[in-house]
């Protein structure tokens, strides 16, 4: 059995919009497409700790109370841990320009036209926005 790579991602949602990052074209994995912020869960780290660290490293924000959400992913080598984040300190900025060349807030209706890193995640992201907006 192949070991799965643990990944933690965050759907930051504010005012009905979701924040996505555009993966730099030079990235080895999933270049030149939109994705949730996140990354590998490091050894000894819990998924919610990893998502907090990744949001600080990549966006410069401190997240509060990430809520686990189901996330569909088509890559069988990944162990996906997704979180809905509706509270954080700081204003998100591109703090990791070597990883991302853009970040933007999107309406849920805009997501279907984007080139996504993991298209099966789209329904999970839309559900997260719906949960956050009530």
Protein backbone atom coordinates (compact mmCIF):
# COMPACT_ATOMS: atom_id res chain seq x y z
CA UNK A 1 0.00 0.00 0.00
CA UNK A 2 1.32 3.42 -0.98
CA UNK A 3 1.58 6.00 1.79
CA UNK A 4 -0.61 9.02 1.18
CA UNK A 5 0.76 12.54 1.45
CA UNK A 6 -1.17 14.51 4.10
CA UNK A 7 -2.28 17.92 2.80
CA UNK A 8 -4.15 20.67 4.68
CA UNK A 9 -6.01 23.41 2.80
CA UNK A 10 -8.13 26.37 3.86
CA UNK A 11 -11.17 27.95 2.25
CA UNK A 12 -11.09 31.52 3.58
CA UNK A 13 -14.57 32.96 3.15
CA UNK A 14 -15.61 36.60 3.67
CA UNK A 15 -18.78 38.38 2.55
CA UNK A 16 -19.81 35.44 0.37
CA UNK A 17 -16.45 35.39 -1.42
CA UNK A 18 -13.77 32.69 -1.28
CA UNK A 19 -10.03 33.40 -1.48
CA UNK A 20 -8.02 31.42 -4.02
CA UNK A 21 -4.34 31.55 -4.88
CA UNK A 22 -2.93 31.14 -8.39
CA UNK A 23 -0.11 28.61 -8.42
CA UNK A 24 3.03 29.97 -10.04
CA UNK A 25 3.66 28.63 -13.59
CA UNK A 26 7.07 27.31 -12.48
CA UNK A 27 5.55 25.03 -9.80
CA UNK A 28 6.27 21.34 -10.22
CA UNK A 29 2.81 20.23 -9.12
CA UNK A 30 -0.36 21.81 -10.55
CA UNK A 31 1.30 24.83 -12.19
CA UNK A 32 -0.64 27.82 -13.53
CA UNK A 33 -4.01 27.08 -11.92
CA UNK A 34 -6.17 28.29 -9.05
CA UNK A 35 -6.28 26.50 -5.71
CA UNK A 36 -7.01 26.87 -2.02
CA UNK A 37 -4.17 28.01 0.20
CA UNK A 38 -2.41 25.18 1.99
CA UNK A 39 0.25 22.54 1.76
CA UNK A 40 1.89 19.52 3.34
CA UNK A 41 1.22 18.53 6.92
CA UNK A 42 4.67 18.28 8.49
CA UNK A 43 5.82 15.44 10.71
CA UNK A 44 4.40 15.79 14.22
CA UNK A 45 1.89 18.41 13.08
CA UNK A 46 -1.90 18.03 13.18
CA UNK A 47 -3.87 19.08 10.08
CA UNK A 48 -5.46 22.11 11.78
CA UNK A 49 -1.98 23.23 12.91
CA UNK A 50 -0.68 22.82 9.36
CA UNK A 51 -3.47 24.92 7.89
CA UNK A 52 -2.75 27.66 10.43
CA UNK A 53 0.96 27.57 9.58
CA UNK A 54 0.31 27.57 5.83
CA UNK A 55 -2.09 30.54 6.07
CA UNK A 56 0.54 32.48 8.03
CA UNK A 57 3.36 31.54 5.62
CA UNK A 58 1.40 32.07 2.39
CA UNK A 59 -1.09 34.82 3.31
CA UNK A 60 0.36 36.49 6.40
CA UNK A 61 -2.81 35.88 8.44
CA UNK A 62 -3.46 34.16 11.77
CA UNK A 63 -6.55 31.96 11.42
CA UNK A 64 -9.00 31.29 14.25
CA UNK A 65 -11.03 28.12 14.71
CA UNK A 66 -10.61 26.37 11.34
CA UNK A 67 -13.67 24.15 10.86
CA UNK A 68 -13.03 20.76 9.22
CA UNK A 69 -15.07 20.30 6.04
CA UNK A 70 -15.37 17.40 3.62
CA UNK A 71 -13.22 17.81 0.51
CA UNK A 72 -13.31 15.69 -2.64
CA UNK A 73 -9.97 15.08 -4.29
CA UNK A 74 -9.24 12.91 -7.33
CA UNK A 75 -5.58 12.23 -6.54
CA UNK A 76 -5.39 8.89 -4.64
CA UNK A 77 -1.90 9.75 -3.33
CA UNK A 78 -3.24 12.65 -1.23
CA UNK A 79 -4.76 12.52 2.25
CA UNK A 80 -6.78 15.75 2.08
CA UNK A 81 -7.72 17.75 5.18
CA UNK A 82 -9.81 20.81 4.35
CA UNK A 83 -10.96 23.60 6.63
CA UNK A 84 -13.43 26.45 6.41
CA UNK A 85 -11.95 29.66 7.84
CA UNK A 86 -14.22 32.64 8.48
CA UNK A 87 -12.17 34.42 11.16
CA UNK A 88 -8.56 35.55 10.96
CA UNK A 89 -6.25 38.39 11.98
CA UNK A 90 -4.61 40.44 9.26
CA UNK A 91 -5.41 41.11 5.62
CA UNK A 92 -4.44 38.30 3.23
CA UNK A 93 -1.50 39.16 0.97
CA UNK A 94 0.69 37.08 -1.31
CA UNK A 95 3.39 36.31 1.25
CA UNK A 96 4.79 33.43 -0.87
CA UNK A 97 5.41 34.87 -4.36
CA UNK A 98 7.63 31.90 -5.22
CA UNK A 99 4.55 29.68 -4.82
CA UNK A 100 1.75 31.95 -6.09
CA UNK A 101 1.69 34.75 -8.62
CA UNK A 102 -1.78 36.03 -7.67
CA UNK A 103 -4.55 35.77 -5.10
CA UNK A 104 -8.13 36.91 -5.49
CA UNK A 105 -11.54 36.83 -3.87
CA UNK A 106 -14.13 35.05 -6.02
CA UNK A 107 -17.89 34.78 -6.09
CA UNK A 108 -18.97 31.13 -6.07
CA UNK A 109 -20.51 31.64 -9.53
CA UNK A 110 -17.07 32.63 -10.92
CA UNK A 111 -15.37 29.37 -9.90
CA UNK A 112 -16.71 27.17 -12.69
CA UNK A 113 -14.81 29.21 -15.30
CA UNK A 114 -11.43 28.87 -13.57
CA UNK A 115 -8.67 26.37 -14.28
CA UNK A 116 -8.56 24.63 -10.90
CA UNK A 117 -5.77 22.45 -9.50
CA UNK A 118 -8.34 19.85 -8.43
CA UNK A 119 -11.65 20.29 -10.30
CA UNK A 120 -13.46 17.75 -8.06
CA UNK A 121 -12.88 20.17 -5.13
CA UNK A 122 -15.22 22.70 -6.71
CA UNK A 123 -18.40 21.28 -5.17
CA UNK A 124 -16.68 21.09 -1.76
CA UNK A 125 -15.57 24.74 -2.04
CA UNK A 126 -19.08 25.84 -3.04
CA UNK A 127 -20.51 23.93 -0.07
CA UNK A 128 -18.01 25.65 2.25
CA UNK A 129 -19.08 29.09 1.01
CA UNK A 130 -22.72 28.11 1.53
CA UNK A 131 -22.00 26.94 5.09
CA UNK A 132 -20.11 30.17 5.86
CA UNK A 133 -22.84 32.43 4.52
CA UNK A 134 -25.68 30.53 6.17
